[in-house]
Amino acid sequence: MLRLYGFSKVNAGARGHTRDLRVLWALEEMQLPFEIAGMDHPAHDLNTDAYRRLSPFEQIPAIDDDGLMLSESAAILVHLAKKSGRLIPGDRAGEAQVLRWCFAAMNTVEMPLLALMVLDWTADGSCGKHREFLVGWVHRVLTNLERWLAGREFVATEAFTIADILMAHVLVSGIKDQALMAPYAGLAAYRDRCLARPAWKRTQEAYFARVEAG
């Protein structure tokens, strides 16, 4: 059976926003059987030689799929989608669009959001110019994403795909200052449409029942 390495305990601020949720959501949508290998972050379960063989950067999530070891949430979702034949089109053109938007979620959209989040965590009040630049970068990305989504229900194809799991999770976990989303009604509607899916609600319920705040 597929084994997912996900959190059993994580710091309170990260609980509910961790990247294993992307894989848990996909598994729930695909209805694939799996087991959880719970990792205790405060106890340094990720910082062992054994886990580094699964996840070289000591991060969650990782999977062991019958001996196939894989880390990085987007790579795991692509693997699961192609394995199950779900949440990714069977034709090359459709698959290419899903891959395109998986990369966009990780490389184009998440990057400035994470940069701004880290600055806000660590700034000492002297980084006004840096924050202004990052906020501008975030708005440029969100403006273009909103433009792309105009008239579209989902980001890559007419159907919900793994690209939507990644994009919606980036938008919900990467934006702490909701004022950043205020100008983007269409983008907020897209995010909420994805998060309204029953599979996401079941995923959240199971996650919060299992994962303790460290």
C-alpha atoms as a PDB file:
ATOM      1  CA  MET A   1       0.000   0.000   0.000  1.00  0.00           C
ATOM      2  CA  LEU A   2       1.131   3.546  -0.693  1.00  0.00           C
ATOM      3  CA  ARG A   3       2.674   5.158   2.369  1.00  0.00           C
ATOM      4  CA  LEU A   4       2.474   8.916   2.813  1.00  0.00           C
ATOM      5  CA  TYR A   5       4.901  10.633   5.152  1.00  0.00           C
ATOM      6  CA  GLY A   6       2.895  13.472   6.637  1.00  0.00           C
ATOM      7  CA  PHE A   7       2.832  15.389   9.874  1.00  0.00           C
ATOM      8  CA  SER A   8       1.562  13.944  13.123  1.00  0.00           C
ATOM      9  CA  LYS A   9       2.740  17.013  15.047  1.00  0.00           C
ATOM     10  CA  VAL A  10       3.803  20.419  13.719  1.00  0.00           C
ATOM     11  CA  ASN A  11       4.121  23.894  15.176  1.00  0.00           C
ATOM     12  CA  ALA A  12       0.807  25.588  15.812  1.00  0.00           C
ATOM     13  CA  GLY A  13       1.351  28.324  13.220  1.00  0.00           C
ATOM     14  CA  ALA A  14       1.877  25.829  10.402  1.00  0.00           C
ATOM     15  CA  ARG A  15      -0.896  23.414  11.395  1.00  0.00           C
ATOM     16  CA  GLY A  16      -3.535  23.443   8.678  1.00  0.00           C
ATOM     17  CA  HIS A  17      -1.196  24.910   6.067  1.00  0.00           C
ATOM     18  CA  THR A  18       1.364  22.138   5.547  1.00  0.00           C
ATOM     19  CA  ARG A  19       2.097  20.725   2.117  1.00  0.00           C
ATOM     20  CA  ASP A  20       1.114  17.164   2.938  1.00  0.00           C
ATOM     21  CA  LEU A  21      -2.436  18.520   2.680  1.00  0.00           C
ATOM     22  CA  ARG A  22      -1.951  18.757  -1.098  1.00  0.00           C
ATOM     23  CA  VAL A  23      -1.242  15.047  -1.331  1.00  0.00           C
ATOM     24  CA  LEU A  24      -3.950  14.121   1.170  1.00  0.00           C
ATOM     25  CA  TRP A  25      -6.467  16.136  -0.879  1.00  0.00           C
ATOM     26  CA  ALA A  26      -5.406  14.451  -4.119  1.00  0.00           C
ATOM     27  CA  LEU A  27      -5.623  10.997  -2.550  1.00  0.00           C
ATOM     28  CA  GLU A  28      -9.120  11.799  -1.272  1.00  0.00           C
ATOM     29  CA  GLU A  29     -10.219  13.035  -4.713  1.00  0.00           C
ATOM     30  CA  MET A  30      -8.735   9.946  -6.394  1.00  0.00           C
ATOM     31  CA  GLN A  31     -10.014   7.571  -3.701  1.00  0.00           C
ATOM     32  CA  LEU A  32      -6.643   5.797  -3.580  1.00  0.00           C
ATOM     33  CA  PRO A  33      -5.874   3.652  -0.518  1.00  0.00           C
ATOM     34  CA  PHE A  34      -2.899   4.738   1.560  1.00  0.00           C
ATOM     35  CA  GLU A  35      -1.431   4.694   5.034  1.00  0.00           C
ATOM     36  CA  ILE A  36       0.070   7.564   6.972  1.00  0.00           C
ATOM     37  CA  ALA A  37       3.545   7.521   8.443  1.00  0.00           C
ATOM     38  CA  GLY A  38       3.131  10.291  11.016  1.00  0.00           C
ATOM     39  CA  MET A  39       6.155  12.565  11.459  1.00  0.00           C
ATOM     40  CA  ASP A  40       6.717  14.620  14.600  1.00  0.00           C
ATOM     41  CA  HIS A  41       8.337  17.879  13.496  1.00  0.00           C
ATOM     42  CA  PRO A  42       9.214  19.239  16.974  1.00  0.00           C
ATOM     43  CA  ALA A  43      10.861  15.877  17.786  1.00  0.00           C
ATOM     44  CA  HIS A  44      13.050  16.217  14.649  1.00  0.00           C
ATOM     45  CA  ASP A  45      11.689  13.154  12.866  1.00  0.00           C
ATOM     46  CA  LEU A  46      12.534  14.846   9.556  1.00  0.00           C
ATOM     47  CA  ASN A  47      16.203  15.359  10.462  1.00  0.00           C
ATOM     48  CA  THR A  48      17.388  11.750  10.265  1.00  0.00           C
ATOM     49  CA  ASP A  49      19.511   9.934   7.704  1.00  0.00           C
ATOM     50  CA  ALA A  50      16.668   7.511   7.076  1.00  0.00           C
ATOM     51  CA  TYR A  51      14.212  10.271   6.205  1.00  0.00           C
ATOM     52  CA  ARG A  52      16.769  12.173   4.106  1.00  0.00           C
ATOM     53  CA  ARG A  53      16.912   9.163   1.795  1.00  0.00           C
ATOM     54  CA  LEU A  54      13.222   9.810   1.098  1.00  0.00           C
ATOM     55  CA  SER A  55      13.261  13.601   1.193  1.00  0.00           C
ATOM     56  CA  PRO A  56      16.721  15.136   0.612  1.00  0.00           C
ATOM     57  CA  PHE A  57      15.666  18.560   1.941  1.00  0.00           C
ATOM     58  CA  GLU A  58      14.066  17.145   5.120  1.00  0.00           C
ATOM     59  CA  GLN A  59      10.590  18.238   4.098  1.00  0.00           C
ATOM     60  CA  ILE A  60       7.063  16.875   4.137  1.00  0.00           C
ATOM     61  CA  PRO A  61       5.496  15.272   2.130  1.00  0.00           C
ATOM     62  CA  ALA A  62       7.163  12.166   0.766  1.00  0.00           C
ATOM     63  CA  ILE A  63       5.746   8.858  -0.414  1.00  0.00           C
ATOM     64  CA  ASP A  64       6.812   5.255  -0.697  1.00  0.00           C
ATOM     65  CA  ASP A  65       4.664   3.772  -3.459  1.00  0.00           C
ATOM     66  CA  ASP A  66       5.596   0.094  -3.515  1.00  0.00           C
ATOM     67  CA  GLY A  67       9.281   0.962  -3.441  1.00  0.00           C
ATOM     68  CA  LEU A  68       9.064   4.099  -5.571  1.00  0.00           C
ATOM     69  CA  MET A  69      10.327   6.881  -3.306  1.00  0.00           C
ATOM     70  CA  LEU A  70       9.258  10.409  -4.120  1.00  0.00           C
ATOM     71  CA  SER A  71       9.255  13.814  -2.457  1.00  0.00           C
ATOM     72  CA  GLU A  72       8.101  17.301  -3.567  1.00  0.00           C
ATOM     73  CA  SER A  73       4.329  17.800  -3.451  1.00  0.00           C
ATOM     74  CA  ALA A  74       3.863  18.692  -7.131  1.00  0.00           C
ATOM     75  CA  ALA A  75       5.908  15.703  -8.316  1.00  0.00           C
ATOM     76  CA  ILE A  76       3.882  13.424  -6.049  1.00  0.00           C
ATOM     77  CA  LEU A  77       0.596  14.773  -7.424  1.00  0.00           C
ATOM     78  CA  VAL A  78       1.716  14.246 -11.025  1.00  0.00           C
ATOM     79  CA  HIS A  79       2.781  10.696 -10.187  1.00  0.00           C
ATOM     80  CA  LEU A  80      -0.516   9.900  -8.477  1.00  0.00           C
ATOM     81  CA  ALA A  81      -2.595  11.451 -11.239  1.00  0.00           C
ATOM     82  CA  LYS A  82      -0.832   9.475 -13.972  1.00  0.00           C
ATOM     83  CA  LYS A  83      -0.974   6.302 -11.889  1.00  0.00           C
ATOM     84  CA  SER A  84      -4.703   6.622 -11.197  1.00  0.00           C
ATOM     85  CA  GLY A  85      -5.748   8.227 -14.481  1.00  0.00           C
ATOM     86  CA  ARG A  86      -7.603  10.873 -12.479  1.00  0.00           C
ATOM     87  CA  LEU A  87      -7.291  14.657 -12.185  1.00  0.00           C
ATOM     88  CA  ILE A  88      -5.154  14.799 -15.350  1.00  0.00           C
ATOM     89  CA  PRO A  89      -6.322  14.478 -18.968  1.00  0.00           C
ATOM     90  CA  GLY A  90      -5.366  11.434 -20.990  1.00  0.00           C
ATOM     91  CA  ASP A  91      -4.426  13.412 -24.089  1.00  0.00           C
ATOM     92  CA  ARG A  92      -0.997  14.979 -24.494  1.00  0.00           C
ATOM     93  CA  ALA A  93      -2.303  18.510 -25.008  1.00  0.00           C
ATOM     94  CA  GLY A  94      -4.444  18.427 -21.878  1.00  0.00           C
ATOM     95  CA  GLU A  95      -1.679  16.846 -19.842  1.00  0.00           C
ATOM     96  CA  ALA A  96       0.725  19.551 -21.008  1.00  0.00           C
ATOM     97  CA  GLN A  97      -1.628  22.284 -19.782  1.00  0.00           C
ATOM     98  CA  VAL A  98      -1.965  20.629 -16.376  1.00  0.00           C
ATOM     99  CA  LEU A  99       1.819  20.336 -16.059  1.00  0.00           C
ATOM    100  CA  ARG A 100       2.179  23.960 -17.149  1.00  0.00           C
ATOM    101  CA  TRP A 101      -0.097  25.165 -14.369  1.00  0.00           C
ATOM    102  CA  CYS A 102       1.431  22.857 -11.771  1.00  0.00           C
ATOM    103  CA  PHE A 103       4.774  24.521 -12.506  1.00  0.00           C
ATOM    104  CA  ALA A 104       3.125  27.951 -12.494  1.00  0.00           C
ATOM    105  CA  ALA A 105       1.619  27.354  -9.051  1.00  0.00           C
ATOM    106  CA  MET A 106       4.979  26.279  -7.616  1.00  0.00           C
ATOM    107  CA  ASN A 107       7.406  28.559  -9.462  1.00  0.00           C
ATOM    108  CA  THR A 108       5.483  31.691 -10.412  1.00  0.00           C
ATOM    109  CA  VAL A 109       2.712  32.142  -7.843  1.00  0.00           C
ATOM    110  CA  GLU A 110       4.088  30.579  -4.663  1.00  0.00           C
ATOM    111  CA  MET A 111       7.538  32.163  -4.897  1.00  0.00           C
ATOM    112  CA  PRO A 112       6.613  35.822  -4.225  1.00  0.00           C
ATOM    113  CA  LEU A 113       3.986  34.808  -1.674  1.00  0.00           C
ATOM    114  CA  LEU A 114       6.547  32.823   0.309  1.00  0.00           C
ATOM    115  CA  ALA A 115       9.136  35.576  -0.014  1.00  0.00           C
ATOM    116  CA  LEU A 116       6.694  38.099   1.441  1.00  0.00           C
ATOM    117  CA  MET A 117       5.663  35.718   4.204  1.00  0.00           C
ATOM    118  CA  VAL A 118       9.265  35.094   5.231  1.00  0.00           C
ATOM    119  CA  LEU A 119      10.023  38.813   5.223  1.00  0.00           C
ATOM    120  CA  ASP A 120       7.030  39.504   7.452  1.00  0.00           C
ATOM    121  CA  TRP A 121       8.147  36.742   9.837  1.00  0.00           C
ATOM    122  CA  THR A 122      11.689  38.067  10.121  1.00  0.00           C
ATOM    123  CA  ALA A 123      11.616  41.819   9.419  1.00  0.00           C
ATOM    124  CA  ASP A 124      12.827  44.159  12.139  1.00  0.00           C
ATOM    125  CA  GLY A 125      11.026  47.234  10.830  1.00  0.00           C
ATOM    126  CA  SER A 126      13.813  48.374   8.529  1.00  0.00           C
ATOM    127  CA  CYS A 127      12.707  46.506   5.412  1.00  0.00           C
ATOM    128  CA  GLY A 128      10.091  48.884   4.025  1.00  0.00           C
ATOM    129  CA  LYS A 129      11.674  49.082   0.581  1.00  0.00           C
ATOM    130  CA  HIS A 130      12.054  45.312   0.366  1.00  0.00           C
ATOM    131  CA  ARG A 131       8.435  44.743   1.402  1.00  0.00           C
ATOM    132  CA  GLU A 132       7.191  47.305  -1.121  1.00  0.00           C
ATOM    133  CA  PHE A 133       9.017  45.414  -3.869  1.00  0.00           C
ATOM    134  CA  LEU A 134       7.614  42.050  -2.773  1.00  0.00           C
ATOM    135  CA  VAL A 135       4.055  43.382  -2.486  1.00  0.00           C
ATOM    136  CA  GLY A 136       4.369  44.739  -6.011  1.00  0.00           C
ATOM    137  CA  TRP A 137       5.613  41.364  -7.224  1.00  0.00           C
ATOM    138  CA  VAL A 138       2.679  39.606  -5.537  1.00  0.00           C
ATOM    139  CA  HIS A 139       0.163  41.982  -7.120  1.00  0.00           C
ATOM    140  CA  ARG A 140       1.697  41.523 -10.561  1.00  0.00           C
ATOM    141  CA  VAL A 141       1.348  37.753 -10.262  1.00  0.00           C
ATOM    142  CA  LEU A 142      -2.183  37.860  -8.830  1.00  0.00           C
ATOM    143  CA  THR A 143      -3.324  40.365 -11.462  1.00  0.00           C
ATOM    144  CA  ASN A 144      -2.140  38.101 -14.258  1.00  0.00           C
ATOM    145  CA  LEU A 145      -3.663  35.019 -12.644  1.00  0.00           C
ATOM    146  CA  GLU A 146      -6.993  36.790 -12.229  1.00  0.00           C
ATOM    147  CA  ARG A 147      -6.869  37.821 -15.885  1.00  0.00           C
ATOM    148  CA  TRP A 148      -6.208  34.240 -16.938  1.00  0.00           C
ATOM    149  CA  LEU A 149      -9.087  32.872 -14.849  1.00  0.00           C
ATOM    150  CA  ALA A 150     -11.665  35.308 -16.267  1.00  0.00           C
ATOM    151  CA  GLY A 151     -14.356  33.127 -17.842  1.00  0.00           C
ATOM    152  CA  ARG A 152     -12.692  29.917 -16.635  1.00  0.00           C
ATOM    153  CA  GLU A 153     -13.917  27.635 -13.879  1.00  0.00           C
ATOM    154  CA  PHE A 154     -10.553  25.936 -13.385  1.00  0.00           C
ATOM    155  CA  VAL A 155      -6.993  26.945 -14.153  1.00  0.00           C
ATOM    156  CA  ALA A 156      -5.698  24.350 -16.641  1.00  0.00           C
ATOM    157  CA  THR A 157      -8.648  22.614 -18.307  1.00  0.00           C
ATOM    158  CA  GLU A 158     -12.427  22.657 -18.145  1.00  0.00           C
ATOM    159  CA  ALA A 159     -12.301  20.020 -15.389  1.00  0.00           C
ATOM    160  CA  PHE A 160     -10.782  20.149 -11.910  1.00  0.00           C
ATOM    161  CA  THR A 161      -7.207  18.775 -11.949  1.00  0.00           C
ATOM    162  CA  ILE A 162      -4.140  18.457  -9.761  1.00  0.00           C
ATOM    163  CA  ALA A 163      -3.133  21.931 -10.995  1.00  0.00           C
ATOM    164  CA  ASP A 164      -6.155  23.323  -9.136  1.00  0.00           C
ATOM    165  CA  ILE A 165      -5.171  21.481  -5.951  1.00  0.00           C
ATOM    166  CA  LEU A 166      -1.739  23.084  -6.066  1.00  0.00           C
ATOM    167  CA  MET A 167      -2.956  26.544  -7.064  1.00  0.00           C
ATOM    168  CA  ALA A 168      -5.800  26.682  -4.539  1.00  0.00           C
ATOM    169  CA  HIS A 169      -3.559  25.473  -1.733  1.00  0.00           C
ATOM    170  CA  VAL A 170      -0.904  28.050  -2.606  1.00  0.00           C
ATOM    171  CA  LEU A 171      -3.538  30.781  -2.477  1.00  0.00           C
ATOM    172  CA  VAL A 172      -4.998  29.676   0.840  1.00  0.00           C
ATOM    173  CA  SER A 173      -1.745  28.828   2.633  1.00  0.00           C
ATOM    174  CA  GLY A 174       0.535  31.456   1.114  1.00  0.00           C
ATOM    175  CA  ILE A 175      -1.541  34.569   1.784  1.00  0.00           C
ATOM    176  CA  LYS A 176      -1.711  35.611   5.420  1.00  0.00           C
ATOM    177  CA  ASP A 177      -2.615  39.257   4.761  1.00  0.00           C
ATOM    178  CA  GLN A 178      -6.090  39.005   3.233  1.00  0.00           C
ATOM    179  CA  ALA A 179      -5.849  42.613   2.090  1.00  0.00           C
ATOM    180  CA  LEU A 180      -3.626  41.303  -0.695  1.00  0.00           C
ATOM    181  CA  MET A 181      -6.591  39.399  -2.132  1.00  0.00           C
ATOM    182  CA  ALA A 182      -9.088  42.243  -1.796  1.00  0.00           C
ATOM    183  CA  PRO A 183      -8.719  43.528  -5.391  1.00  0.00           C
ATOM    184  CA  TYR A 184      -9.168  40.043  -6.893  1.00  0.00           C
ATOM    185  CA  ALA A 185     -12.785  38.968  -6.594  1.00  0.00           C
ATOM    186  CA  GLY A 186     -12.480  36.479  -9.449  1.00  0.00           C
ATOM    187  CA  LEU A 187      -9.395  34.885  -7.957  1.00  0.00           C
ATOM    188  CA  ALA A 188     -11.022  34.637  -4.534  1.00  0.00           C
ATOM    189  CA  ALA A 189     -14.074  33.021  -6.147  1.00  0.00           C
ATOM    190  CA  TYR A 190     -11.821  30.490  -7.907  1.00  0.00           C
ATOM    191  CA  ARG A 191     -10.024  29.659  -4.655  1.00  0.00           C
ATOM    192  CA  ASP A 192     -13.294  29.273  -2.758  1.00  0.00           C
ATOM    193  CA  ARG A 193     -14.777  27.144  -5.543  1.00  0.00           C
ATOM    194  CA  CYS A 194     -11.893  24.703  -5.240  1.00  0.00           C
ATOM    195  CA  LEU A 195     -11.976  24.686  -1.448  1.00  0.00           C
ATOM    196  CA  ALA A 196     -15.722  23.992  -1.449  1.00  0.00           C
ATOM    197  CA  ARG A 197     -15.138  20.529  -2.866  1.00  0.00           C
ATOM    198  CA  PRO A 198     -16.286  17.753  -0.509  1.00  0.00           C
ATOM    199  CA  ALA A 199     -12.928  15.966  -0.819  1.00  0.00           C
ATOM    200  CA  TRP A 200     -11.112  19.025   0.560  1.00  0.00           C
ATOM    201  CA  LYS A 201     -13.522  19.305   3.466  1.00  0.00           C
ATOM    202  CA  ARG A 202     -13.043  15.615   4.324  1.00  0.00           C
ATOM    203  CA  THR A 203      -9.282  16.036   4.029  1.00  0.00           C
ATOM    204  CA  GLN A 204      -9.250  18.966   6.438  1.00  0.00           C
ATOM    205  CA  GLU A 205     -11.442  17.169   8.971  1.00  0.00           C
ATOM    206  CA  ALA A 206      -9.207  14.095   9.019  1.00  0.00           C
ATOM    207  CA  TYR A 207      -6.050  16.228   9.165  1.00  0.00           C
ATOM    208  CA  PHE A 208      -7.172  18.302  12.140  1.00  0.00           C
ATOM    209  CA  ALA A 209      -8.367  15.189  13.945  1.00  0.00           C
ATOM    210  CA  ARG A 210      -4.911  13.632  13.536  1.00  0.00           C
ATOM    211  CA  VAL A 211      -2.264  16.362  13.486  1.00  0.00           C
ATOM    212  CA  GLU A 212      -1.355  17.863  16.833  1.00  0.00           C
ATOM    213  CA  ALA A 213      -0.024  21.370  17.309  1.00  0.00           C
ATOM    214  CA  GLY A 214       3.533  21.211  18.607  1.00  0.00           C
END
